[in-house]
């Protein structure tokens, strides 16, 4: 919907992507300070989320194909990030 494609959309997108980095940093700090042993796949999903954010950003700045379909790529990438977050929660809750 073109009416939702405003500057605020990108501010919220950047906010959520920064939050992923903050969560991963806080998680690493907690693991190091508390000396706990988290489930390995929980860590895996967190680091894959960071990599996905980097890939999304790199495609945005370099690929002309993506520039034409920017909202589609970021929408699908965001759904993938949401799935990673849900899986990390489910694996960490066991």
N, C-alpha and C. Protein backbone atom coordinates (compact mmCIF):
# COMPACT_ATOMS: atom_id res chain seq x y z
N UNK A 1 0.85 -1.18 0.00
CA UNK A 1 0.00 0.00 0.00
C UNK A 1 0.89 1.24 0.00
N UNK A 2 0.82 2.02 -1.04
CA UNK A 2 1.68 3.20 -1.14
C UNK A 2 1.49 4.20 0.00
N UNK A 3 0.32 4.24 0.61
CA UNK A 3 0.10 5.20 1.69
C UNK A 3 0.94 4.88 2.94
N UNK A 4 1.37 3.63 3.08
CA UNK A 4 2.19 3.23 4.23
C UNK A 4 3.69 3.42 3.97
N UNK A 5 4.06 3.73 2.76
CA UNK A 5 5.47 3.88 2.40
C UNK A 5 5.95 5.28 2.72
N UNK A 6 6.12 5.54 3.98
CA UNK A 6 6.56 6.86 4.44
C UNK A 6 7.94 6.76 5.06
N UNK A 7 8.48 7.90 5.42
CA UNK A 7 9.79 7.93 6.09
C UNK A 7 9.73 7.21 7.43
N UNK A 8 8.58 7.25 8.09
CA UNK A 8 8.43 6.59 9.39
C UNK A 8 8.62 5.08 9.27
N UNK A 9 8.24 4.50 8.14
CA UNK A 9 8.43 3.07 7.92
C UNK A 9 9.90 2.71 8.04
N UNK A 10 10.78 3.52 7.45
CA UNK A 10 12.21 3.23 7.49
C UNK A 10 12.78 3.49 8.88
N UNK A 11 12.24 4.48 9.60
CA UNK A 11 12.71 4.70 10.97
C UNK A 11 12.38 3.50 11.85
N UNK A 12 11.19 2.95 11.71
CA UNK A 12 10.82 1.78 12.50
C UNK A 12 11.63 0.55 12.09
N UNK A 13 11.91 0.43 10.79
CA UNK A 13 12.73 -0.68 10.31
C UNK A 13 14.14 -0.62 10.90
N UNK A 14 14.74 0.56 10.88
CA UNK A 14 16.07 0.74 11.46
C UNK A 14 16.04 0.48 12.96
N UNK A 15 15.00 0.94 13.64
CA UNK A 15 14.88 0.72 15.08
C UNK A 15 14.86 -0.78 15.40
N UNK A 16 14.10 -1.54 14.65
CA UNK A 16 14.01 -2.98 14.90
C UNK A 16 15.33 -3.68 14.57
N UNK A 17 15.99 -3.25 13.50
CA UNK A 17 17.26 -3.88 13.15
C UNK A 17 18.33 -3.57 14.19
N UNK A 18 18.33 -2.37 14.71
CA UNK A 18 19.27 -2.03 15.80
C UNK A 18 18.94 -2.84 17.05
N UNK A 19 17.64 -3.05 17.30
CA UNK A 19 17.23 -3.83 18.47
C UNK A 19 17.75 -5.27 18.38
N UNK A 20 17.86 -5.81 17.17
CA UNK A 20 18.41 -7.16 17.01
C UNK A 20 19.86 -7.20 17.47
N UNK A 21 20.63 -6.17 17.09
CA UNK A 21 22.03 -6.11 17.51
C UNK A 21 22.14 -5.92 19.03
N UNK A 22 21.26 -5.10 19.59
CA UNK A 22 21.28 -4.87 21.04
C UNK A 22 20.95 -6.16 21.78
N UNK A 23 19.93 -6.87 21.31
CA UNK A 23 19.56 -8.14 21.96
C UNK A 23 20.70 -9.14 21.91
N UNK A 24 21.37 -9.23 20.77
CA UNK A 24 22.48 -10.17 20.66
C UNK A 24 23.62 -9.75 21.58
N UNK A 25 23.91 -8.47 21.65
CA UNK A 25 24.97 -7.99 22.54
C UNK A 25 24.66 -8.24 23.99
N UNK A 26 23.43 -7.97 24.39
CA UNK A 26 23.03 -8.21 25.78
C UNK A 26 23.05 -9.71 26.07
N UNK A 27 22.64 -10.52 25.10
CA UNK A 27 22.68 -11.96 25.30
C UNK A 27 24.10 -12.48 25.49
N UNK A 28 25.02 -11.99 24.69
CA UNK A 28 26.43 -12.40 24.85
C UNK A 28 26.96 -11.95 26.21
N UNK A 29 26.60 -10.74 26.63
CA UNK A 29 27.06 -10.24 27.93
C UNK A 29 26.50 -11.10 29.07
N UNK A 30 25.23 -11.46 29.00
CA UNK A 30 24.61 -12.26 30.05
C UNK A 30 25.26 -13.64 30.12
N UNK A 31 25.51 -14.24 28.96
CA UNK A 31 26.14 -15.56 28.93
C UNK A 31 27.54 -15.49 29.55
N UNK A 32 28.28 -14.42 29.25
CA UNK A 32 29.64 -14.30 29.79
C UNK A 32 29.64 -13.98 31.29
N UNK A 33 28.75 -13.12 31.74
CA UNK A 33 28.75 -12.73 33.15
C UNK A 33 28.17 -13.84 34.03
N UNK A 34 27.07 -14.41 33.63
CA UNK A 34 26.38 -15.41 34.44
C UNK A 34 26.97 -16.81 34.29
N UNK A 35 27.83 -16.99 33.30
CA UNK A 35 28.44 -18.31 33.03
C UNK A 35 27.39 -19.40 32.84
N UNK A 36 26.36 -19.08 32.07
CA UNK A 36 25.31 -20.06 31.78
C UNK A 36 25.60 -20.74 30.45
N UNK A 37 24.96 -21.85 30.23
CA UNK A 37 25.13 -22.61 29.00
C UNK A 37 23.79 -22.63 28.26
N UNK A 38 23.56 -21.67 27.35
CA UNK A 38 22.28 -21.63 26.64
C UNK A 38 22.21 -22.71 25.56
N UNK A 39 21.01 -23.02 25.09
CA UNK A 39 20.89 -23.98 23.98
C UNK A 39 21.64 -23.46 22.75
N UNK A 40 22.35 -24.34 22.08
CA UNK A 40 23.20 -23.92 20.97
C UNK A 40 22.40 -23.32 19.82
N UNK A 41 21.22 -23.87 19.54
CA UNK A 41 20.45 -23.33 18.43
C UNK A 41 19.89 -21.94 18.76
N UNK A 42 19.71 -21.63 20.02
CA UNK A 42 19.29 -20.29 20.41
C UNK A 42 20.35 -19.28 19.99
N UNK A 43 21.59 -19.59 20.25
CA UNK A 43 22.70 -18.73 19.82
C UNK A 43 22.78 -18.66 18.30
N UNK A 44 22.61 -19.80 17.66
CA UNK A 44 22.67 -19.85 16.20
C UNK A 44 21.63 -18.92 15.57
N UNK A 45 20.39 -18.97 16.05
CA UNK A 45 19.34 -18.13 15.49
C UNK A 45 19.64 -16.65 15.71
N UNK A 46 20.21 -16.31 16.83
CA UNK A 46 20.56 -14.91 17.08
C UNK A 46 21.62 -14.41 16.13
N UNK A 47 22.65 -15.20 15.89
CA UNK A 47 23.70 -14.76 14.98
C UNK A 47 23.25 -14.78 13.52
N UNK A 48 22.38 -15.69 13.16
CA UNK A 48 21.83 -15.68 11.80
C UNK A 48 20.98 -14.42 11.59
N UNK A 49 20.27 -13.99 12.60
CA UNK A 49 19.49 -12.76 12.48
C UNK A 49 20.39 -11.57 12.19
N UNK A 50 21.54 -11.50 12.85
CA UNK A 50 22.48 -10.40 12.59
C UNK A 50 22.99 -10.48 11.15
N UNK A 51 23.28 -11.66 10.68
CA UNK A 51 23.76 -11.82 9.31
C UNK A 51 22.68 -11.42 8.31
N UNK A 52 21.44 -11.77 8.57
CA UNK A 52 20.34 -11.42 7.67
C UNK A 52 20.17 -9.91 7.60
N UNK A 53 20.28 -9.22 8.71
CA UNK A 53 20.19 -7.76 8.69
C UNK A 53 21.30 -7.18 7.81
N UNK A 54 22.50 -7.70 7.94
CA UNK A 54 23.61 -7.23 7.10
C UNK A 54 23.37 -7.50 5.63
N UNK A 55 22.84 -8.66 5.30
CA UNK A 55 22.56 -8.99 3.90
C UNK A 55 21.47 -8.08 3.35
N UNK A 56 20.41 -7.85 4.11
CA UNK A 56 19.35 -6.96 3.66
C UNK A 56 19.90 -5.56 3.36
N UNK A 57 20.73 -5.06 4.26
CA UNK A 57 21.29 -3.72 4.06
C UNK A 57 22.22 -3.69 2.85
N UNK A 58 23.03 -4.73 2.66
CA UNK A 58 23.96 -4.72 1.54
C UNK A 58 23.21 -4.80 0.21
N UNK A 59 22.13 -5.56 0.15
CA UNK A 59 21.34 -5.61 -1.08
C UNK A 59 20.69 -4.27 -1.37
N UNK A 60 20.27 -3.59 -0.34
CA UNK A 60 19.61 -2.29 -0.51
C UNK A 60 20.56 -1.29 -1.16
N UNK A 61 21.82 -1.36 -0.84
CA UNK A 61 22.76 -0.35 -1.32
C UNK A 61 23.46 -0.73 -2.62
N UNK A 62 23.46 -1.99 -3.02
CA UNK A 62 24.27 -2.37 -4.17
C UNK A 62 23.48 -2.90 -5.37
N UNK A 63 22.41 -3.56 -5.18
CA UNK A 63 21.74 -4.26 -6.27
C UNK A 63 20.63 -3.42 -6.91
N UNK A 64 20.73 -3.18 -8.22
CA UNK A 64 19.66 -2.41 -8.88
C UNK A 64 18.34 -3.19 -8.93
N UNK A 65 18.41 -4.52 -9.00
CA UNK A 65 17.19 -5.31 -9.02
C UNK A 65 16.41 -5.12 -7.73
N UNK A 66 17.15 -5.08 -6.61
CA UNK A 66 16.51 -4.94 -5.31
C UNK A 66 15.95 -3.53 -5.14
N UNK A 67 16.63 -2.53 -5.65
CA UNK A 67 16.13 -1.15 -5.51
C UNK A 67 14.74 -1.00 -6.13
N UNK A 68 14.47 -1.76 -7.20
CA UNK A 68 13.14 -1.70 -7.81
C UNK A 68 12.09 -2.43 -6.98
N UNK A 69 12.52 -3.40 -6.15
CA UNK A 69 11.61 -4.21 -5.35
C UNK A 69 11.97 -4.13 -3.87
N UNK A 70 12.33 -2.94 -3.44
CA UNK A 70 12.86 -2.74 -2.09
C UNK A 70 11.86 -3.14 -1.01
N UNK A 71 10.61 -2.76 -1.17
CA UNK A 71 9.62 -3.07 -0.15
C UNK A 71 9.34 -4.57 -0.08
N UNK A 72 9.35 -5.24 -1.22
CA UNK A 72 9.14 -6.68 -1.24
C UNK A 72 10.29 -7.40 -0.53
N UNK A 73 11.52 -7.02 -0.85
CA UNK A 73 12.69 -7.66 -0.24
C UNK A 73 12.72 -7.43 1.26
N UNK A 74 12.47 -6.19 1.69
CA UNK A 74 12.48 -5.92 3.13
C UNK A 74 11.29 -6.58 3.83
N UNK A 75 10.16 -6.69 3.17
CA UNK A 75 9.02 -7.38 3.77
C UNK A 75 9.30 -8.85 3.98
N UNK A 76 9.83 -9.51 2.95
CA UNK A 76 10.15 -10.94 3.09
C UNK A 76 11.30 -11.16 4.07
N UNK A 77 12.29 -10.28 4.03
CA UNK A 77 13.40 -10.38 4.98
C UNK A 77 12.93 -10.19 6.42
N UNK A 78 12.00 -9.27 6.61
CA UNK A 78 11.47 -9.03 7.96
C UNK A 78 10.64 -10.22 8.45
N UNK A 79 9.90 -10.84 7.55
CA UNK A 79 9.16 -12.06 7.94
C UNK A 79 10.14 -13.17 8.32
N UNK A 80 11.24 -13.29 7.59
CA UNK A 80 12.25 -14.29 7.92
C UNK A 80 12.85 -13.99 9.29
N UNK A 81 13.15 -12.72 9.56
CA UNK A 81 13.68 -12.34 10.87
C UNK A 81 12.69 -12.65 11.99
N UNK A 82 11.41 -12.42 11.71
CA UNK A 82 10.39 -12.74 12.70
C UNK A 82 10.38 -14.24 12.99
N UNK A 83 10.49 -15.05 11.95
CA UNK A 83 10.54 -16.50 12.13
C UNK A 83 11.76 -16.93 12.92
N UNK A 84 12.91 -16.30 12.66
CA UNK A 84 14.10 -16.61 13.45
C UNK A 84 13.90 -16.26 14.92
N UNK A 85 13.27 -15.12 15.17
CA UNK A 85 13.02 -14.71 16.55
C UNK A 85 12.08 -15.68 17.27
N UNK A 86 11.05 -16.11 16.58
CA UNK A 86 10.12 -17.06 17.18
C UNK A 86 10.81 -18.39 17.47
N UNK A 87 11.61 -18.87 16.51
CA UNK A 87 12.33 -20.14 16.72
C UNK A 87 13.31 -20.01 17.88
N UNK A 88 13.99 -18.87 17.97
CA UNK A 88 14.94 -18.68 19.08
C UNK A 88 14.22 -18.71 20.42
N UNK A 89 13.05 -18.11 20.47
CA UNK A 89 12.26 -18.15 21.71
C UNK A 89 11.82 -19.58 22.05
N UNK A 90 11.37 -20.30 21.05
CA UNK A 90 10.89 -21.66 21.31
C UNK A 90 12.03 -22.59 21.72
N UNK A 91 13.20 -22.43 21.11
CA UNK A 91 14.33 -23.27 21.46
C UNK A 91 14.87 -22.89 22.83
N UNK A 92 14.88 -21.57 23.14
CA UNK A 92 15.39 -21.11 24.43
C UNK A 92 14.47 -21.43 25.59
N UNK A 93 13.18 -21.67 25.31
CA UNK A 93 12.23 -21.93 26.39
C UNK A 93 12.25 -23.38 26.87
N UNK A 94 12.93 -24.24 26.17
CA UNK A 94 12.95 -25.66 26.55
C UNK A 94 13.79 -25.92 27.75
